[in-house]
Amino acid sequence: MGRLTVEQIVSVDGYAADSDGGIDFFEAVDEVDANDADQLAFLEHIDAILLGANTYRMFAGYWPTADPEVERVAEPINRLPKFVVSNGLTAAPWGDGSIEILSGDGATSVAALKERHAGIVVWGSLTLADALFRAGLVDELRLRIVPVLIGAGRPFTPADLGERRLALDHVVSHPSGHVGLTYLVR
């Protein structure tokens, strides 16, 4: 069975979105560098990308035309197979093509996807990530912590999750001031 990683950009106080659902706090430092060596090394072990509908829309509006000479992560993001979990989308265009929509019960679809792919990453997609945590399908949690406090907002895990033990895998400090933490979910 494959490994499913949820990666979130969060404030130091643990929020993945502000009280209005915005993510402007991501820009608290010059930028969380998607080209950092740790991120690129992580993507070498990923063979599928899984997104919720809202994050898919944000990604599809940007990444298909991103310049891989400027943003090196654009190449793997565009090359890797992508899936979107949605019961509302009827099509999921991506650049000149489209990506597969997983509808119905998201947890069942994702469990089947883990049988087909060795390394899957979920970026953002808070509602989807909540369902995956609740279903016990998350194997690894990567947090990219932006050095800002926002005081209130949307936590990166569901309030009803309960206790889950984590084992620290590695920590990376970046010149921009953000920190990357990788945990294995027990």
C-alpha atoms as a PDB file:
ATOM      1  CA  MET A   1       0.000   0.000   0.000  1.00  0.00           C
ATOM      2  CA  GLY A   2       1.225   3.489  -0.867  1.00  0.00           C
ATOM      3  CA  ARG A   3       2.213   6.315   1.450  1.00  0.00           C
ATOM      4  CA  LEU A   4      -0.121   9.312   1.633  1.00  0.00           C
ATOM      5  CA  THR A   5       1.431  12.608   2.718  1.00  0.00           C
ATOM      6  CA  VAL A   6      -0.548  15.684   3.675  1.00  0.00           C
ATOM      7  CA  GLU A   7       1.498  18.859   3.312  1.00  0.00           C
ATOM      8  CA  GLN A   8       0.208  22.146   4.713  1.00  0.00           C
ATOM      9  CA  ILE A   9       1.571  25.662   4.931  1.00  0.00           C
ATOM     10  CA  VAL A  10       0.574  26.945   8.370  1.00  0.00           C
ATOM     11  CA  SER A  11       1.093  29.882  10.707  1.00  0.00           C
ATOM     12  CA  VAL A  12       3.153  29.328  13.840  1.00  0.00           C
ATOM     13  CA  ASP A  13      -0.116  29.139  15.787  1.00  0.00           C
ATOM     14  CA  GLY A  14      -1.307  26.256  13.615  1.00  0.00           C
ATOM     15  CA  TYR A  15      -3.737  27.820  11.148  1.00  0.00           C
ATOM     16  CA  ALA A  16      -3.897  26.873   7.477  1.00  0.00           C
ATOM     17  CA  ALA A  17      -6.282  29.723   6.616  1.00  0.00           C
ATOM     18  CA  ASP A  18      -7.317  32.941   8.315  1.00  0.00           C
ATOM     19  CA  SER A  19     -10.788  33.545   9.780  1.00  0.00           C
ATOM     20  CA  ASP A  20     -12.140  34.515   6.346  1.00  0.00           C
ATOM     21  CA  GLY A  21     -10.599  31.453   4.662  1.00  0.00           C
ATOM     22  CA  GLY A  22      -7.775  33.495   3.113  1.00  0.00           C
ATOM     23  CA  ILE A  23      -4.148  32.503   2.856  1.00  0.00           C
ATOM     24  CA  ASP A  24      -2.496  35.930   2.566  1.00  0.00           C
ATOM     25  CA  PHE A  25      -0.390  35.109   5.644  1.00  0.00           C
ATOM     26  CA  PHE A  26       1.618  32.738   3.390  1.00  0.00           C
ATOM     27  CA  GLU A  27       3.338  35.900   2.177  1.00  0.00           C
ATOM     28  CA  ALA A  28       4.553  36.853   5.689  1.00  0.00           C
ATOM     29  CA  VAL A  29       8.058  36.107   4.467  1.00  0.00           C
ATOM     30  CA  ASP A  30       9.335  36.895   1.000  1.00  0.00           C
ATOM     31  CA  GLU A  31       7.867  33.579  -0.071  1.00  0.00           C
ATOM     32  CA  VAL A  32       7.869  29.981   1.030  1.00  0.00           C
ATOM     33  CA  ASP A  33      10.411  28.730  -1.493  1.00  0.00           C
ATOM     34  CA  ALA A  34       8.883  25.890  -3.483  1.00  0.00           C
ATOM     35  CA  ASN A  35      12.298  25.387  -5.107  1.00  0.00           C
ATOM     36  CA  ASP A  36      14.081  24.456  -1.913  1.00  0.00           C
ATOM     37  CA  ALA A  37      16.145  21.286  -1.954  1.00  0.00           C
ATOM     38  CA  ASP A  38      13.970  19.572   0.669  1.00  0.00           C
ATOM     39  CA  GLN A  39      10.794  20.075  -1.386  1.00  0.00           C
ATOM     40  CA  LEU A  40      12.429  18.873  -4.598  1.00  0.00           C
ATOM     41  CA  ALA A  41      13.875  15.803  -2.825  1.00  0.00           C
ATOM     42  CA  PHE A  42      10.427  15.041  -1.373  1.00  0.00           C
ATOM     43  CA  LEU A  43       8.863  15.183  -4.844  1.00  0.00           C
ATOM     44  CA  GLU A  44      11.320  12.552  -6.104  1.00  0.00           C
ATOM     45  CA  HIS A  45       9.358  10.017  -4.024  1.00  0.00           C
ATOM     46  CA  ILE A  46       5.904  11.162  -5.109  1.00  0.00           C
ATOM     47  CA  ASP A  47       4.104   9.538  -8.012  1.00  0.00           C
ATOM     48  CA  ALA A  48       0.639  11.146  -7.710  1.00  0.00           C
ATOM     49  CA  ILE A  49      -0.942  14.408  -6.569  1.00  0.00           C
ATOM     50  CA  LEU A  50      -4.331  14.452  -4.859  1.00  0.00           C
ATOM     51  CA  LEU A  51      -6.344  17.654  -4.481  1.00  0.00           C
ATOM     52  CA  GLY A  52      -9.699  18.793  -3.200  1.00  0.00           C
ATOM     53  CA  ALA A  53     -11.883  20.828  -5.563  1.00  0.00           C
ATOM     54  CA  ASN A  54     -10.944  24.292  -4.249  1.00  0.00           C
ATOM     55  CA  THR A  55      -7.210  23.643  -4.228  1.00  0.00           C
ATOM     56  CA  TYR A  56      -7.503  22.022  -7.665  1.00  0.00           C
ATOM     57  CA  ARG A  57      -9.047  25.252  -8.997  1.00  0.00           C
ATOM     58  CA  MET A  58      -6.194  27.341  -7.534  1.00  0.00           C
ATOM     59  CA  PHE A  59      -3.539  24.965  -8.858  1.00  0.00           C
ATOM     60  CA  ALA A  60      -5.126  24.586 -12.323  1.00  0.00           C
ATOM     61  CA  GLY A  61      -5.210  28.356 -12.669  1.00  0.00           C
ATOM     62  CA  TYR A  62      -1.477  28.659 -12.055  1.00  0.00           C
ATOM     63  CA  TRP A  63       0.737  25.587 -12.395  1.00  0.00           C
ATOM     64  CA  PRO A  64       0.056  24.495 -16.000  1.00  0.00           C
ATOM     65  CA  THR A  65       1.651  27.732 -17.250  1.00  0.00           C
ATOM     66  CA  ALA A  66       4.301  28.207 -14.532  1.00  0.00           C
ATOM     67  CA  ASP A  67       7.838  28.457 -15.899  1.00  0.00           C
ATOM     68  CA  PRO A  68       9.879  25.437 -14.708  1.00  0.00           C
ATOM     69  CA  GLU A  69      13.060  27.494 -15.152  1.00  0.00           C
ATOM     70  CA  VAL A  70      11.773  29.848 -12.450  1.00  0.00           C
ATOM     71  CA  GLU A  71       9.775  27.397 -10.332  1.00  0.00           C
ATOM     72  CA  ARG A  72      11.436  24.017 -10.584  1.00  0.00           C
ATOM     73  CA  VAL A  73       8.513  22.295  -8.846  1.00  0.00           C
ATOM     74  CA  ALA A  74       6.347  23.139 -11.887  1.00  0.00           C
ATOM     75  CA  GLU A  75       7.894  20.266 -13.846  1.00  0.00           C
ATOM     76  CA  PRO A  76       6.957  17.472 -11.402  1.00  0.00           C
ATOM     77  CA  ILE A  77       3.603  19.105 -10.621  1.00  0.00           C
ATOM     78  CA  ASN A  78       2.696  19.091 -14.307  1.00  0.00           C
ATOM     79  CA  ARG A  79       4.234  15.686 -15.077  1.00  0.00           C
ATOM     80  CA  LEU A  80       2.793  13.644 -12.217  1.00  0.00           C
ATOM     81  CA  PRO A  81      -0.694  12.154 -12.472  1.00  0.00           C
ATOM     82  CA  LYS A  82      -3.216  14.280 -10.604  1.00  0.00           C
ATOM     83  CA  PHE A  83      -6.559  13.415  -9.059  1.00  0.00           C
ATOM     84  CA  VAL A  84      -9.261  15.665  -7.642  1.00  0.00           C
ATOM     85  CA  VAL A  85     -11.818  14.460  -5.101  1.00  0.00           C
ATOM     86  CA  SER A  86     -15.149  16.108  -5.856  1.00  0.00           C
ATOM     87  CA  ASN A  87     -18.816  15.267  -6.136  1.00  0.00           C
ATOM     88  CA  GLY A  88     -19.518  18.628  -7.806  1.00  0.00           C
ATOM     89  CA  LEU A  89     -16.995  18.851 -10.643  1.00  0.00           C
ATOM     90  CA  THR A  90     -17.990  17.406 -14.011  1.00  0.00           C
ATOM     91  CA  ALA A  91     -14.641  18.171 -15.656  1.00  0.00           C
ATOM     92  CA  ALA A  92     -11.147  18.936 -14.371  1.00  0.00           C
ATOM     93  CA  PRO A  93      -9.084  20.590 -17.113  1.00  0.00           C
ATOM     94  CA  TRP A  94      -5.339  20.938 -16.614  1.00  0.00           C
ATOM     95  CA  GLY A  95      -3.422  22.831 -19.274  1.00  0.00           C
ATOM     96  CA  ASP A  96      -4.105  21.074 -22.564  1.00  0.00           C
ATOM     97  CA  GLY A  97      -5.503  17.979 -20.852  1.00  0.00           C
ATOM     98  CA  SER A  98      -7.541  17.019 -17.845  1.00  0.00           C
ATOM     99  CA  ILE A  99      -7.158  15.122 -14.612  1.00  0.00           C
ATOM    100  CA  GLU A 100      -9.203  12.313 -13.122  1.00  0.00           C
ATOM    101  CA  ILE A 101     -12.099  13.147 -10.820  1.00  0.00           C
ATOM    102  CA  LEU A 102     -12.661  10.794  -7.893  1.00  0.00           C
ATOM    103  CA  SER A 103     -16.303  11.038  -6.855  1.00  0.00           C
ATOM    104  CA  GLY A 104     -18.452   9.241  -4.338  1.00  0.00           C
ATOM    105  CA  ASP A 105     -16.967   8.435  -0.954  1.00  0.00           C
ATOM    106  CA  GLY A 106     -13.599  10.203  -0.874  1.00  0.00           C
ATOM    107  CA  ALA A 107     -12.037   7.888   1.708  1.00  0.00           C
ATOM    108  CA  THR A 108     -12.900   4.775  -0.310  1.00  0.00           C
ATOM    109  CA  SER A 109     -11.565   6.359  -3.515  1.00  0.00           C
ATOM    110  CA  VAL A 110      -8.346   7.429  -1.815  1.00  0.00           C
ATOM    111  CA  ALA A 111      -7.820   4.008  -0.211  1.00  0.00           C
ATOM    112  CA  ALA A 112      -8.051   2.511  -3.714  1.00  0.00           C
ATOM    113  CA  LEU A 113      -5.647   5.174  -5.019  1.00  0.00           C
ATOM    114  CA  LYS A 114      -3.121   4.175  -2.331  1.00  0.00           C
ATOM    115  CA  GLU A 115      -3.193   0.664  -3.827  1.00  0.00           C
ATOM    116  CA  ARG A 116      -2.136   2.097  -7.222  1.00  0.00           C
ATOM    117  CA  HIS A 117       0.500   4.662  -6.183  1.00  0.00           C
ATOM    118  CA  ALA A 118       3.532   4.379  -3.916  1.00  0.00           C
ATOM    119  CA  GLY A 119       3.706   8.053  -2.922  1.00  0.00           C
ATOM    120  CA  ILE A 120       0.759  10.454  -2.942  1.00  0.00           C
ATOM    121  CA  VAL A 121       0.800  14.074  -1.784  1.00  0.00           C
ATOM    122  CA  VAL A 122      -2.180  16.182  -0.757  1.00  0.00           C
ATOM    123  CA  TRP A 123      -1.498  19.918  -0.767  1.00  0.00           C
ATOM    124  CA  GLY A 124      -3.914  22.236   1.032  1.00  0.00           C
ATOM    125  CA  SER A 125      -7.349  20.729   0.379  1.00  0.00           C
ATOM    126  CA  LEU A 126      -8.412  21.166   3.999  1.00  0.00           C
ATOM    127  CA  THR A 127     -11.820  19.460   3.759  1.00  0.00           C
ATOM    128  CA  LEU A 128     -10.282  16.486   1.956  1.00  0.00           C
ATOM    129  CA  ALA A 129      -7.366  16.346   4.407  1.00  0.00           C
ATOM    130  CA  ASP A 130      -9.860  16.330   7.304  1.00  0.00           C
ATOM    131  CA  ALA A 131     -11.642  13.307   5.816  1.00  0.00           C
ATOM    132  CA  LEU A 132      -8.346  11.507   5.208  1.00  0.00           C
ATOM    133  CA  PHE A 133      -7.159  12.111   8.783  1.00  0.00           C
ATOM    134  CA  ARG A 134     -10.501  10.893  10.153  1.00  0.00           C
ATOM    135  CA  ALA A 135     -10.320   7.755   7.985  1.00  0.00           C
ATOM    136  CA  GLY A 136      -6.779   6.977   9.158  1.00  0.00           C
ATOM    137  CA  LEU A 137      -5.381   7.214   5.619  1.00  0.00           C
ATOM    138  CA  VAL A 138      -2.625   9.775   6.311  1.00  0.00           C
ATOM    139  CA  ASP A 139       0.830   8.240   6.709  1.00  0.00           C
ATOM    140  CA  GLU A 140       2.967  11.370   6.812  1.00  0.00           C
ATOM    141  CA  LEU A 141       2.396  15.017   7.726  1.00  0.00           C
ATOM    142  CA  ARG A 142       4.619  17.764   6.325  1.00  0.00           C
ATOM    143  CA  LEU A 143       4.220  21.211   7.807  1.00  0.00           C
ATOM    144  CA  ARG A 144       5.792  24.303   6.278  1.00  0.00           C
ATOM    145  CA  ILE A 145       5.515  26.766   9.144  1.00  0.00           C
ATOM    146  CA  VAL A 146       5.475  30.456   8.194  1.00  0.00           C
ATOM    147  CA  PRO A 147       6.886  32.749  10.915  1.00  0.00           C
ATOM    148  CA  VAL A 148       3.686  34.670  11.617  1.00  0.00           C
ATOM    149  CA  LEU A 149       0.923  34.518  14.223  1.00  0.00           C
ATOM    150  CA  ILE A 150      -2.598  35.167  12.917  1.00  0.00           C
ATOM    151  CA  GLY A 151      -4.553  34.576  16.142  1.00  0.00           C
ATOM    152  CA  ALA A 152      -7.547  32.769  14.670  1.00  0.00           C
ATOM    153  CA  GLY A 153      -8.517  30.839  11.607  1.00  0.00           C
ATOM    154  CA  ARG A 154      -8.923  27.361  10.197  1.00  0.00           C
ATOM    155  CA  PRO A 155      -6.711  24.709  11.850  1.00  0.00           C
ATOM    156  CA  PHE A 156      -4.999  22.261   9.512  1.00  0.00           C
ATOM    157  CA  THR A 157      -6.708  19.267  11.170  1.00  0.00           C
ATOM    158  CA  PRO A 158     -10.353  18.702  12.100  1.00  0.00           C
ATOM    159  CA  ALA A 159     -11.404  19.682  15.631  1.00  0.00           C
ATOM    160  CA  ASP A 160     -12.900  16.220  16.225  1.00  0.00           C
ATOM    161  CA  LEU A 161      -9.783  14.275  15.217  1.00  0.00           C
ATOM    162  CA  GLY A 162      -8.764  13.206  18.680  1.00  0.00           C
ATOM    163  CA  GLU A 163      -5.225  12.336  19.645  1.00  0.00           C
ATOM    164  CA  ARG A 164      -2.886  10.974  16.985  1.00  0.00           C
ATOM    165  CA  ARG A 165       0.705  10.148  17.826  1.00  0.00           C
ATOM    166  CA  LEU A 166       3.400  11.439  15.494  1.00  0.00           C
ATOM    167  CA  ALA A 167       7.073  10.567  15.146  1.00  0.00           C
ATOM    168  CA  LEU A 168       9.401  13.335  13.995  1.00  0.00           C
ATOM    169  CA  ASP A 169      11.145  12.324  10.785  1.00  0.00           C
ATOM    170  CA  HIS A 170      13.103  15.482   9.978  1.00  0.00           C
ATOM    171  CA  VAL A 171      13.316  19.264  10.353  1.00  0.00           C
ATOM    172  CA  VAL A 172      14.577  21.806   7.837  1.00  0.00           C
ATOM    173  CA  SER A 173      15.158  25.495   8.588  1.00  0.00           C
ATOM    174  CA  HIS A 174      15.009  27.850   5.618  1.00  0.00           C
ATOM    175  CA  PRO A 175      16.712  31.234   5.085  1.00  0.00           C
ATOM    176  CA  SER A 176      13.273  32.830   4.607  1.00  0.00           C
ATOM    177  CA  GLY A 177      12.484  32.028   8.245  1.00  0.00           C
ATOM    178  CA  HIS A 178      10.030  29.245   7.642  1.00  0.00           C
ATOM    179  CA  VAL A 179      10.592  25.770   9.033  1.00  0.00           C
ATOM    180  CA  GLY A 180       9.714  22.448   7.463  1.00  0.00           C
ATOM    181  CA  LEU A 181       8.683  19.620   9.791  1.00  0.00           C
ATOM    182  CA  THR A 182       7.982  16.087   8.629  1.00  0.00           C
ATOM    183  CA  TYR A 183       6.169  13.656  10.924  1.00  0.00           C
ATOM    184  CA  LEU A 184       5.198  10.036  10.467  1.00  0.00           C
ATOM    185  CA  VAL A 185       1.634   9.354  11.613  1.00  0.00           C
ATOM    186  CA  ARG A 186       1.457   6.343  13.889  1.00  0.00           C
END
